[in-house]
């Protein structure tokens, strides 16, 4: 079973950057999920899918995987493509350009 080491991206629901500074080690599934014939729920007998380990640095996550003999794959984070601004920046007195409707 291989693990994926990544730094999660900012959630689209909020403008904050919480939980984007730590690195996450999570295991990928080896088998497909099965459908329960009685209830119709999907499930799996792989419990490692539920394990999520958080680390302060990428090096810590890689060292943990090496120490425990876990095959891993590192996914580098993508930087934000646009500059984040706040709503109040629309009404600054030193704004470049005029603000009209």
PDB file of N, CA and C in Angstrom:
ATOM      1  N   UNK A   1       0.851  -1.172   0.000  1.00  0.00           N
ATOM      2  CA  UNK A   1       0.000   0.000   0.000  1.00  0.00           C
ATOM      3  C   UNK A   1       0.895   1.233   0.000  1.00  0.00           C
ATOM      4  N   UNK A   2       0.641   2.143  -0.906  1.00  0.00           N
ATOM      5  CA  UNK A   2       1.459   3.347  -1.009  1.00  0.00           C
ATOM      6  C   UNK A   2       0.784   4.505  -0.280  1.00  0.00           C
ATOM      7  N   UNK A   3       1.597   5.445   0.117  1.00  0.00           N
ATOM      8  CA  UNK A   3       1.097   6.633   0.807  1.00  0.00           C
ATOM      9  C   UNK A   3       1.349   7.856  -0.057  1.00  0.00           C
ATOM     10  N   UNK A   4       0.496   8.840   0.108  1.00  0.00           N
ATOM     11  CA  UNK A   4       0.645  10.100  -0.620  1.00  0.00           C
ATOM     12  C   UNK A   4       0.977  11.177   0.399  1.00  0.00           C
ATOM     13  N   UNK A   5       2.054  11.905   0.155  1.00  0.00           N
ATOM     14  CA  UNK A   5       2.466  13.006   1.019  1.00  0.00           C
ATOM     15  C   UNK A   5       2.206  14.299   0.257  1.00  0.00           C
ATOM     16  N   UNK A   6       1.377  15.164   0.820  1.00  0.00           N
ATOM     17  CA  UNK A   6       1.030  16.409   0.139  1.00  0.00           C
ATOM     18  C   UNK A   6       0.714  17.486   1.163  1.00  0.00           C
ATOM     19  N   UNK A   7       0.664  18.695   0.688  1.00  0.00           N
ATOM     20  CA  UNK A   7       0.220  19.820   1.512  1.00  0.00           C
ATOM     21  C   UNK A   7      -1.121  20.251   0.943  1.00  0.00           C
ATOM     22  N   UNK A   8      -2.216  20.116   1.706  1.00  0.00           N
ATOM     23  CA  UNK A   8      -3.541  20.412   1.164  1.00  0.00           C
ATOM     24  C   UNK A   8      -3.682  21.857   0.709  1.00  0.00           C
ATOM     25  N   UNK A   9      -4.487  22.043  -0.323  1.00  0.00           N
ATOM     26  CA  UNK A   9      -4.741  23.377  -0.852  1.00  0.00           C
ATOM     27  C   UNK A   9      -5.778  24.092   0.023  1.00  0.00           C
ATOM     28  N   UNK A  10      -5.861  25.369  -0.151  1.00  0.00           N
ATOM     29  CA  UNK A  10      -6.840  26.183   0.562  1.00  0.00           C
ATOM     30  C   UNK A  10      -8.247  25.780   0.131  1.00  0.00           C
ATOM     31  N   UNK A  11      -9.141  25.699   1.078  1.00  0.00           N
ATOM     32  CA  UNK A  11     -10.512  25.340   0.744  1.00  0.00           C
ATOM     33  C   UNK A  11     -11.185  26.466  -0.032  1.00  0.00           C
ATOM     34  N   UNK A  12     -12.049  26.120  -0.934  1.00  0.00           N
ATOM     35  CA  UNK A  12     -12.717  27.116  -1.759  1.00  0.00           C
ATOM     36  C   UNK A  12     -13.856  27.804  -1.008  1.00  0.00           C
ATOM     37  N   UNK A  13     -14.249  27.270   0.125  1.00  0.00           N
ATOM     38  CA  UNK A  13     -15.392  27.810   0.856  1.00  0.00           C
ATOM     39  C   UNK A  13     -15.023  29.020   1.722  1.00  0.00           C
ATOM     40  N   UNK A  14     -13.762  29.174   2.065  1.00  0.00           N
ATOM     41  CA  UNK A  14     -13.329  30.275   2.915  1.00  0.00           C
ATOM     42  C   UNK A  14     -12.100  30.925   2.302  1.00  0.00           C
ATOM     43  N   UNK A  15     -11.809  32.133   2.716  1.00  0.00           N
ATOM     44  CA  UNK A  15     -10.638  32.814   2.193  1.00  0.00           C
ATOM     45  C   UNK A  15      -9.408  32.575   3.054  1.00  0.00           C
ATOM     46  N   UNK A  16      -9.561  31.918   4.201  1.00  0.00           N
ATOM     47  CA  UNK A  16      -8.440  31.666   5.092  1.00  0.00           C
ATOM     48  C   UNK A  16      -7.547  30.552   4.596  1.00  0.00           C
ATOM     49  N   UNK A  17      -6.385  30.468   5.192  1.00  0.00           N
ATOM     50  CA  UNK A  17      -5.402  29.464   4.778  1.00  0.00           C
ATOM     51  C   UNK A  17      -5.130  28.457   5.888  1.00  0.00           C
ATOM     52  N   UNK A  18      -6.114  28.154   6.706  1.00  0.00           N
ATOM     53  CA  UNK A  18      -5.938  27.176   7.774  1.00  0.00           C
ATOM     54  C   UNK A  18      -5.698  25.799   7.174  1.00  0.00           C
ATOM     55  N   UNK A  19      -4.905  25.008   7.852  1.00  0.00           N
ATOM     56  CA  UNK A  19      -4.573  23.634   7.456  1.00  0.00           C
ATOM     57  C   UNK A  19      -3.833  23.547   6.125  1.00  0.00           C
ATOM     58  N   UNK A  20      -3.204  24.621   5.692  1.00  0.00           N
ATOM     59  CA  UNK A  20      -2.448  24.570   4.444  1.00  0.00           C
ATOM     60  C   UNK A  20      -0.948  24.649   4.687  1.00  0.00           C
ATOM     61  N   UNK A  21      -0.521  24.739   5.930  1.00  0.00           N
ATOM     62  CA  UNK A  21       0.899  24.871   6.224  1.00  0.00           C
ATOM     63  C   UNK A  21       1.508  23.552   6.680  1.00  0.00           C
ATOM     64  N   UNK A  22       0.670  22.569   6.996  1.00  0.00           N
ATOM     65  CA  UNK A  22       1.173  21.272   7.441  1.00  0.00           C
ATOM     66  C   UNK A  22       1.082  20.271   6.305  1.00  0.00           C
ATOM     67  N   UNK A  23       1.864  19.209   6.410  1.00  0.00           N
ATOM     68  CA  UNK A  23       1.914  18.165   5.389  1.00  0.00           C
ATOM     69  C   UNK A  23       1.101  16.978   5.843  1.00  0.00           C
ATOM     70  N   UNK A  24       0.425  16.345   4.909  1.00  0.00           N
ATOM     71  CA  UNK A  24      -0.492  15.243   5.184  1.00  0.00           C
ATOM     72  C   UNK A  24       0.021  13.965   4.526  1.00  0.00           C
ATOM     73  N   UNK A  25       0.056  12.889   5.313  1.00  0.00           N
ATOM     74  CA  UNK A  25       0.385  11.571   4.782  1.00  0.00           C
ATOM     75  C   UNK A  25      -0.882  10.741   4.867  1.00  0.00           C
ATOM     76  N   UNK A  26      -1.378  10.309   3.714  1.00  0.00           N
ATOM     77  CA  UNK A  26      -2.568   9.458   3.695  1.00  0.00           C
ATOM     78  C   UNK A  26      -2.352   8.309   2.726  1.00  0.00           C
ATOM     79  N   UNK A  27      -2.976   7.195   3.034  1.00  0.00           N
ATOM     80  CA  UNK A  27      -2.788   5.975   2.254  1.00  0.00           C
ATOM     81  C   UNK A  27      -3.808   5.899   1.127  1.00  0.00           C
ATOM     82  N   UNK A  28      -3.363   5.383  -0.016  1.00  0.00           N
ATOM     83  CA  UNK A  28      -4.267   5.193  -1.146  1.00  0.00           C
ATOM     84  C   UNK A  28      -4.839   3.774  -1.084  1.00  0.00           C
ATOM     85  N   UNK A  29      -6.002   3.598  -1.665  1.00  0.00           N
ATOM     86  CA  UNK A  29      -6.657   2.296  -1.606  1.00  0.00           C
ATOM     87  C   UNK A  29      -6.102   1.379  -2.687  1.00  0.00           C
ATOM     88  N   UNK A  30      -6.005   0.113  -2.355  1.00  0.00           N
ATOM     89  CA  UNK A  30      -5.513  -0.889  -3.292  1.00  0.00           C
ATOM     90  C   UNK A  30      -6.673  -1.586  -4.003  1.00  0.00           C
ATOM     91  N   UNK A  31      -7.793  -1.733  -3.299  1.00  0.00           N
ATOM     92  CA  UNK A  31      -8.946  -2.434  -3.854  1.00  0.00           C
ATOM     93  C   UNK A  31     -10.103  -1.467  -4.047  1.00  0.00           C
ATOM     94  N   UNK A  32     -10.981  -1.836  -4.946  1.00  0.00           N
ATOM     95  CA  UNK A  32     -12.173  -1.024  -5.180  1.00  0.00           C
ATOM     96  C   UNK A  32     -13.156  -1.214  -4.021  1.00  0.00           C
ATOM     97  N   UNK A  33     -13.975  -0.216  -3.792  1.00  0.00           N
ATOM     98  CA  UNK A  33     -14.995  -0.317  -2.755  1.00  0.00           C
ATOM     99  C   UNK A  33     -16.104  -1.249  -3.218  1.00  0.00           C
ATOM    100  N   UNK A  34     -16.764  -1.879  -2.267  1.00  0.00           N
ATOM    101  CA  UNK A  34     -17.860  -2.792  -2.576  1.00  0.00           C
ATOM    102  C   UNK A  34     -19.180  -2.197  -2.115  1.00  0.00           C
ATOM    103  N   UNK A  35     -20.248  -2.613  -2.741  1.00  0.00           N
ATOM    104  CA  UNK A  35     -21.584  -2.131  -2.384  1.00  0.00           C
ATOM    105  C   UNK A  35     -22.281  -3.204  -1.574  1.00  0.00           C
ATOM    106  N   UNK A  36     -22.807  -2.817  -0.418  1.00  0.00           N
ATOM    107  CA  UNK A  36     -23.544  -3.738   0.433  1.00  0.00           C
ATOM    108  C   UNK A  36     -24.880  -4.056  -0.233  1.00  0.00           C
ATOM    109  N   UNK A  37     -25.195  -5.338  -0.426  1.00  0.00           N
ATOM    110  CA  UNK A  37     -26.422  -5.670  -1.153  1.00  0.00           C
ATOM    111  C   UNK A  37     -27.704  -5.317  -0.398  1.00  0.00           C
ATOM    112  N   UNK A  38     -27.668  -5.306   0.921  1.00  0.00           N
ATOM    113  CA  UNK A  38     -28.878  -5.039   1.686  1.00  0.00           C
ATOM    114  C   UNK A  38     -29.195  -3.551   1.778  1.00  0.00           C
ATOM    115  N   UNK A  39     -28.215  -2.755   2.191  1.00  0.00           N
ATOM    116  CA  UNK A  39     -28.456  -1.331   2.427  1.00  0.00           C
ATOM    117  C   UNK A  39     -28.013  -0.445   1.264  1.00  0.00           C
ATOM    118  N   UNK A  40     -27.118  -0.945   0.420  1.00  0.00           N
ATOM    119  CA  UNK A  40     -26.643  -0.147  -0.700  1.00  0.00           C
ATOM    120  C   UNK A  40     -25.504   0.788  -0.350  1.00  0.00           C
ATOM    121  N   UNK A  41     -24.951   0.666   0.871  1.00  0.00           N
ATOM    122  CA  UNK A  41     -23.829   1.509   1.272  1.00  0.00           C
ATOM    123  C   UNK A  41     -22.546   1.007   0.636  1.00  0.00           C
ATOM    124  N   UNK A  42     -21.636   1.910   0.361  1.00  0.00           N
ATOM    125  CA  UNK A  42     -20.327   1.497  -0.139  1.00  0.00           C
ATOM    126  C   UNK A  42     -19.389   1.333   1.040  1.00  0.00           C
ATOM    127  N   UNK A  43     -18.508   0.374   0.932  1.00  0.00           N
ATOM    128  CA  UNK A  43     -17.591   0.123   2.027  1.00  0.00           C
ATOM    129  C   UNK A  43     -16.338  -0.567   1.541  1.00  0.00           C
ATOM    130  N   UNK A  44     -15.402  -0.705   2.463  1.00  0.00           N
ATOM    131  CA  UNK A  44     -14.140  -1.344   2.150  1.00  0.00           C
ATOM    132  C   UNK A  44     -13.614  -1.983   3.421  1.00  0.00           C
ATOM    133  N   UNK A  45     -12.803  -3.018   3.281  1.00  0.00           N
ATOM    134  CA  UNK A  45     -12.208  -3.644   4.454  1.00  0.00           C
ATOM    135  C   UNK A  45     -10.775  -3.158   4.679  1.00  0.00           C
ATOM    136  N   UNK A  46     -10.363  -2.111   3.988  1.00  0.00           N
ATOM    137  CA  UNK A  46      -9.046  -1.509   4.190  1.00  0.00           C
ATOM    138  C   UNK A  46      -9.177  -0.368   5.201  1.00  0.00           C
ATOM    139  N   UNK A  47      -8.674  -0.586   6.386  1.00  0.00           N
ATOM    140  CA  UNK A  47      -8.799   0.442   7.417  1.00  0.00           C
ATOM    141  C   UNK A  47      -7.736   1.528   7.312  1.00  0.00           C
ATOM    142  N   UNK A  48      -6.682   1.280   6.552  1.00  0.00           N
ATOM    143  CA  UNK A  48      -5.636   2.305   6.421  1.00  0.00           C
ATOM    144  C   UNK A  48      -6.119   3.527   5.641  1.00  0.00           C
ATOM    145  N   UNK A  49      -7.210   3.389   4.897  1.00  0.00           N
ATOM    146  CA  UNK A  49      -7.759   4.546   4.184  1.00  0.00           C
ATOM    147  C   UNK A  49      -8.230   5.627   5.152  1.00  0.00           C
ATOM    148  N   UNK A  50      -8.544   5.230   6.366  1.00  0.00           N
ATOM    149  CA  UNK A  50      -9.063   6.176   7.343  1.00  0.00           C
ATOM    150  C   UNK A  50      -7.965   6.907   8.104  1.00  0.00           C
ATOM    151  N   UNK A  51      -6.721   6.484   7.939  1.00  0.00           N
ATOM    152  CA  UNK A  51      -5.601   7.066   8.674  1.00  0.00           C
ATOM    153  C   UNK A  51      -5.070   8.281   7.936  1.00  0.00           C
ATOM    154  N   UNK A  52      -4.994   9.402   8.645  1.00  0.00           N
ATOM    155  CA  UNK A  52      -4.394  10.627   8.114  1.00  0.00           C
ATOM    156  C   UNK A  52      -3.402  11.136   9.152  1.00  0.00           C
ATOM    157  N   UNK A  53      -2.159  11.255   8.756  1.00  0.00           N
ATOM    158  CA  UNK A  53      -1.106  11.710   9.663  1.00  0.00           C
ATOM    159  C   UNK A  53      -0.632  13.085   9.224  1.00  0.00           C
ATOM    160  N   UNK A  54      -0.570  14.033  10.166  1.00  0.00           N
ATOM    161  CA  UNK A  54      -0.152  15.398   9.881  1.00  0.00           C
ATOM    162  C   UNK A  54       1.262  15.618  10.385  1.00  0.00           C
ATOM    163  N   UNK A  55       2.079  16.322   9.589  1.00  0.00           N
ATOM    164  CA  UNK A  55       3.464  16.635   9.934  1.00  0.00           C
ATOM    165  C   UNK A  55       3.721  18.119   9.685  1.00  0.00           C
ATOM    166  N   UNK A  56       4.694  18.661  10.421  1.00  0.00           N
ATOM    167  CA  UNK A  56       5.021  20.082  10.272  1.00  0.00           C
ATOM    168  C   UNK A  56       5.803  20.363   8.997  1.00  0.00           C
ATOM    169  N   UNK A  57       6.644  19.433   8.587  1.00  0.00           N
ATOM    170  CA  UNK A  57       7.447  19.644   7.384  1.00  0.00           C
ATOM    171  C   UNK A  57       7.360  18.420   6.473  1.00  0.00           C
ATOM    172  N   UNK A  58       7.722  18.626   5.229  1.00  0.00           N
ATOM    173  CA  UNK A  58       7.759  17.521   4.262  1.00  0.00           C
ATOM    174  C   UNK A  58       8.824  16.502   4.666  1.00  0.00           C
ATOM    175  N   UNK A  59       9.939  16.986   5.186  1.00  0.00           N
ATOM    176  CA  UNK A  59      11.026  16.094   5.592  1.00  0.00           C
ATOM    177  C   UNK A  59      10.589  15.159   6.719  1.00  0.00           C
ATOM    178  N   UNK A  60       9.789  15.659   7.644  1.00  0.00           N
ATOM    179  CA  UNK A  60       9.283  14.819   8.732  1.00  0.00           C
ATOM    180  C   UNK A  60       8.392  13.702   8.195  1.00  0.00           C
ATOM    181  N   UNK A  61       7.537  14.022   7.233  1.00  0.00           N
ATOM    182  CA  UNK A  61       6.639  13.032   6.653  1.00  0.00           C
ATOM    183  C   UNK A  61       7.420  11.975   5.880  1.00  0.00           C
ATOM    184  N   UNK A  62       8.416  12.398   5.126  1.00  0.00           N
ATOM    185  CA  UNK A  62       9.232  11.451   4.365  1.00  0.00           C
ATOM    186  C   UNK A  62      10.037  10.571   5.323  1.00  0.00           C
ATOM    187  N   UNK A  63      10.576  11.156   6.384  1.00  0.00           N
ATOM    188  CA  UNK A  63      11.350  10.385   7.362  1.00  0.00           C
ATOM    189  C   UNK A  63      10.469   9.340   8.042  1.00  0.00           C
ATOM    190  N   UNK A  64       9.234   9.677   8.337  1.00  0.00           N
ATOM    191  CA  UNK A  64       8.306   8.721   8.941  1.00  0.00           C
ATOM    192  C   UNK A  64       8.037   7.558   7.987  1.00  0.00           C
ATOM    193  N   UNK A  65       7.804   7.861   6.715  1.00  0.00           N
ATOM    194  CA  UNK A  65       7.529   6.814   5.733  1.00  0.00           C
ATOM    195  C   UNK A  65       8.744   5.906   5.549  1.00  0.00           C
ATOM    196  N   UNK A  66       9.926   6.470   5.510  1.00  0.00           N
ATOM    197  CA  UNK A  66      11.144   5.671   5.347  1.00  0.00           C
ATOM    198  C   UNK A  66      11.370   4.801   6.577  1.00  0.00           C
ATOM    199  N   UNK A  67      11.169   5.374   7.754  1.00  0.00           N
ATOM    200  CA  UNK A  67      11.398   4.638   9.003  1.00  0.00           C
ATOM    201  C   UNK A  67      10.486   3.429   9.121  1.00  0.00           C
ATOM    202  N   UNK A  68       9.240   3.564   8.660  1.00  0.00           N
ATOM    203  CA  UNK A  68       8.269   2.477   8.786  1.00  0.00           C
ATOM    204  C   UNK A  68       8.149   1.628   7.518  1.00  0.00           C
ATOM    205  N   UNK A  69       8.997   1.870   6.532  1.00  0.00           N
ATOM    206  CA  UNK A  69       9.003   1.054   5.319  1.00  0.00           C
ATOM    207  C   UNK A  69       7.777   1.232   4.447  1.00  0.00           C
ATOM    208  N   UNK A  70       7.243   2.444   4.413  1.00  0.00           N
ATOM    209  CA  UNK A  70       6.046   2.744   3.624  1.00  0.00           C
ATOM    210  C   UNK A  70       6.475   3.342   2.290  1.00  0.00           C
ATOM    211  N   UNK A  71       5.978   2.760   1.201  1.00  0.00           N
ATOM    212  CA  UNK A  71       6.230   3.357  -0.114  1.00  0.00           C
ATOM    213  C   UNK A  71       5.433   4.650  -0.193  1.00  0.00           C
ATOM    214  N   UNK A  72       6.064   5.713  -0.666  1.00  0.00           N
ATOM    215  CA  UNK A  72       5.401   7.007  -0.669  1.00  0.00           C
ATOM    216  C   UNK A  72       5.600   7.730  -1.984  1.00  0.00           C
ATOM    217  N   UNK A  73       4.743   8.708  -2.204  1.00  0.00           N
ATOM    218  CA  UNK A  73       4.823   9.578  -3.377  1.00  0.00           C
ATOM    219  C   UNK A  73       4.556  10.996  -2.889  1.00  0.00           C
ATOM    220  N   UNK A  74       5.458  11.922  -3.187  1.00  0.00           N
ATOM    221  CA  UNK A  74       5.330  13.303  -2.729  1.00  0.00           C
ATOM    222  C   UNK A  74       4.687  14.141  -3.831  1.00  0.00           C
ATOM    223  N   UNK A  75       3.639  14.851  -3.484  1.00  0.00           N
ATOM    224  CA  UNK A  75       2.993  15.783  -4.412  1.00  0.00           C
ATOM    225  C   UNK A  75       3.266  17.195  -3.925  1.00  0.00           C
ATOM    226  N   UNK A  76       3.978  17.958  -4.725  1.00  0.00           N
ATOM    227  CA  UNK A  76       4.325  19.327  -4.348  1.00  0.00           C
ATOM    228  C   UNK A  76       3.110  20.227  -4.484  1.00  0.00           C
ATOM    229  N   UNK A  77       2.950  21.185  -3.580  1.00  0.00           N
ATOM    230  CA  UNK A  77       1.779  22.065  -3.641  1.00  0.00           C
ATOM    231  C   UNK A  77       1.886  23.066  -4.780  1.00  0.00           C
ATOM    232  N   UNK A  78       0.740  23.455  -5.284  1.00  0.00           N
ATOM    233  CA  UNK A  78       0.692  24.486  -6.313  1.00  0.00           C
ATOM    234  C   UNK A  78       0.390  25.815  -5.650  1.00  0.00           C
ATOM    235  N   UNK A  79       1.084  26.848  -6.080  1.00  0.00           N
ATOM    236  CA  UNK A  79       0.863  28.171  -5.511  1.00  0.00           C
ATOM    237  C   UNK A  79      -0.413  28.777  -6.078  1.00  0.00           C
ATOM    238  N   UNK A  80      -0.953  29.725  -5.329  1.00  0.00           N
ATOM    239  CA  UNK A  80      -2.172  30.405  -5.770  1.00  0.00           C
ATOM    240  C   UNK A  80      -1.906  31.162  -7.064  1.00  0.00           C
ATOM    241  N   UNK A  81      -2.841  31.103  -7.965  1.00  0.00           N
ATOM    242  CA  UNK A  81      -2.655  31.740  -9.266  1.00  0.00           C
ATOM    243  C   UNK A  81      -3.022  33.228  -9.253  1.00  0.00           C
ATOM    244  N   UNK A  82      -3.781  33.642  -8.255  1.00  0.00           N
ATOM    245  CA  UNK A  82      -4.129  35.056  -8.195  1.00  0.00           C
ATOM    246  C   UNK A  82      -3.926  35.577  -6.786  1.00  0.00           C
ATOM    247  N   UNK A  83      -3.734  36.865  -6.710  1.00  0.00           N
ATOM    248  CA  UNK A  83      -3.499  37.507  -5.427  1.00  0.00           C
ATOM    249  C   UNK A  83      -4.817  37.623  -4.681  1.00  0.00           C
ATOM    250  N   UNK A  84      -4.815  37.260  -3.420  1.00  0.00           N
ATOM    251  CA  UNK A  84      -6.034  37.368  -2.635  1.00  0.00           C
ATOM    252  C   UNK A  84      -6.179  38.783  -2.102  1.00  0.00           C
ATOM    253  N   UNK A  85      -7.352  39.348  -2.254  1.00  0.00           N
ATOM    254  CA  UNK A  85      -7.638  40.677  -1.731  1.00  0.00           C
ATOM    255  C   UNK A  85      -8.899  40.603  -0.894  1.00  0.00           C
ATOM    256  N   UNK A  86      -9.046  41.541  -0.018  1.00  0.00           N
ATOM    257  CA  UNK A  86     -10.234  41.564   0.825  1.00  0.00           C
ATOM    258  C   UNK A  86     -11.272  42.519   0.234  1.00  0.00           C
ATOM    259  N   UNK A  87     -12.484  42.361   0.704  1.00  0.00           N
ATOM    260  CA  UNK A  87     -13.581  43.188   0.212  1.00  0.00           C
ATOM    261  C   UNK A  87     -13.332  44.663   0.516  1.00  0.00           C
ATOM    262  N   UNK A  88     -12.706  44.946   1.651  1.00  0.00           N
ATOM    263  CA  UNK A  88     -12.469  46.337   2.034  1.00  0.00           C
ATOM    264  C   UNK A  88     -11.448  47.024   1.117  1.00  0.00           C
ATOM    265  N   UNK A  89     -10.651  46.248   0.382  1.00  0.00           N
ATOM    266  CA  UNK A  89      -9.696  46.850  -0.556  1.00  0.00           C
ATOM    267  C   UNK A  89     -10.404  47.593  -1.683  1.00  0.00           C
ATOM    268  N   UNK A  90     -11.658  47.271  -1.954  1.00  0.00           N
ATOM    269  CA  UNK A  90     -12.418  47.979  -2.983  1.00  0.00           C
ATOM    270  C   UNK A  90     -12.660  49.439  -2.618  1.00  0.00           C
ATOM    271  N   UNK A  91     -12.608  49.757  -1.342  1.00  0.00           N
ATOM    272  CA  UNK A  91     -12.967  51.097  -0.876  1.00  0.00           C
ATOM    273  C   UNK A  91     -11.782  51.851  -0.285  1.00  0.00           C
ATOM    274  N   UNK A  92     -10.565  51.435  -0.577  1.00  0.00           N
ATOM    275  CA  UNK A  92      -9.380  52.135  -0.083  1.00  0.00           C
ATOM    276  C   UNK A  92      -9.284  53.514  -0.714  1.00  0.00           C
ATOM    277  N   UNK A  93      -8.717  54.442   0.033  1.00  0.00           N
ATOM    278  CA  UNK A  93      -8.556  55.793  -0.515  1.00  0.00           C
ATOM    279  C   UNK A  93      -7.386  55.858  -1.491  1.00  0.00           C
ATOM    280  N   UNK A  94      -6.418  55.009  -1.372  1.00  0.00           N
ATOM    281  CA  UNK A  94      -5.263  55.034  -2.267  1.00  0.00           C
ATOM    282  C   UNK A  94      -5.377  53.974  -3.357  1.00  0.00           C
ATOM    283  N   UNK A  95      -6.568  53.613  -3.732  1.00  0.00           N
ATOM    284  CA  UNK A  95      -6.800  52.592  -4.755  1.00  0.00           C
ATOM    285  C   UNK A  95      -6.332  53.074  -6.132  1.00  0.00           C
ATOM    286  N   UNK A  96      -5.718  52.191  -6.902  1.00  0.00           N
ATOM    287  CA  UNK A  96      -5.271  52.523  -8.244  1.00  0.00           C
ATOM    288  C   UNK A  96      -6.475  52.359  -9.164  1.00  0.00           C
ATOM    289  N   UNK A  97      -6.863  53.391  -9.829  1.00  0.00           N
ATOM    290  CA  UNK A  97      -8.032  53.342 -10.714  1.00  0.00           C
ATOM    291  C   UNK A  97      -9.280  53.744  -9.951  1.00  0.00           C
ATOM    292  N   UNK A  98     -10.280  54.182 -10.705  1.00  0.00           N
ATOM    293  CA  UNK A  98     -11.505  54.642 -10.059  1.00  0.00           C
ATOM    294  C   UNK A  98     -12.435  53.462  -9.804  1.00  0.00           C
ATOM    295  N   UNK A  99     -13.288  53.606  -8.816  1.00  0.00           N
ATOM    296  CA  UNK A  99     -14.248  52.579  -8.489  1.00  0.00           C
ATOM    297  C   UNK A  99     -15.644  53.123  -8.805  1.00  0.00           C
ATOM    298  N   UNK A 100     -16.279  52.535  -9.775  1.00  0.00           N
ATOM    299  CA  UNK A 100     -17.640  52.970 -10.145  1.00  0.00           C
ATOM    300  C   UNK A 100     -18.483  51.749 -10.401  1.00  0.00           C
ATOM    301  N   UNK A 101     -19.761  51.963 -10.510  1.00  0.00           N
ATOM    302  CA  UNK A 101     -20.660  50.839 -10.782  1.00  0.00           C
ATOM    303  C   UNK A 101     -20.785  50.656 -12.253  1.00  0.00           C
TER     304      UNK A 101
END
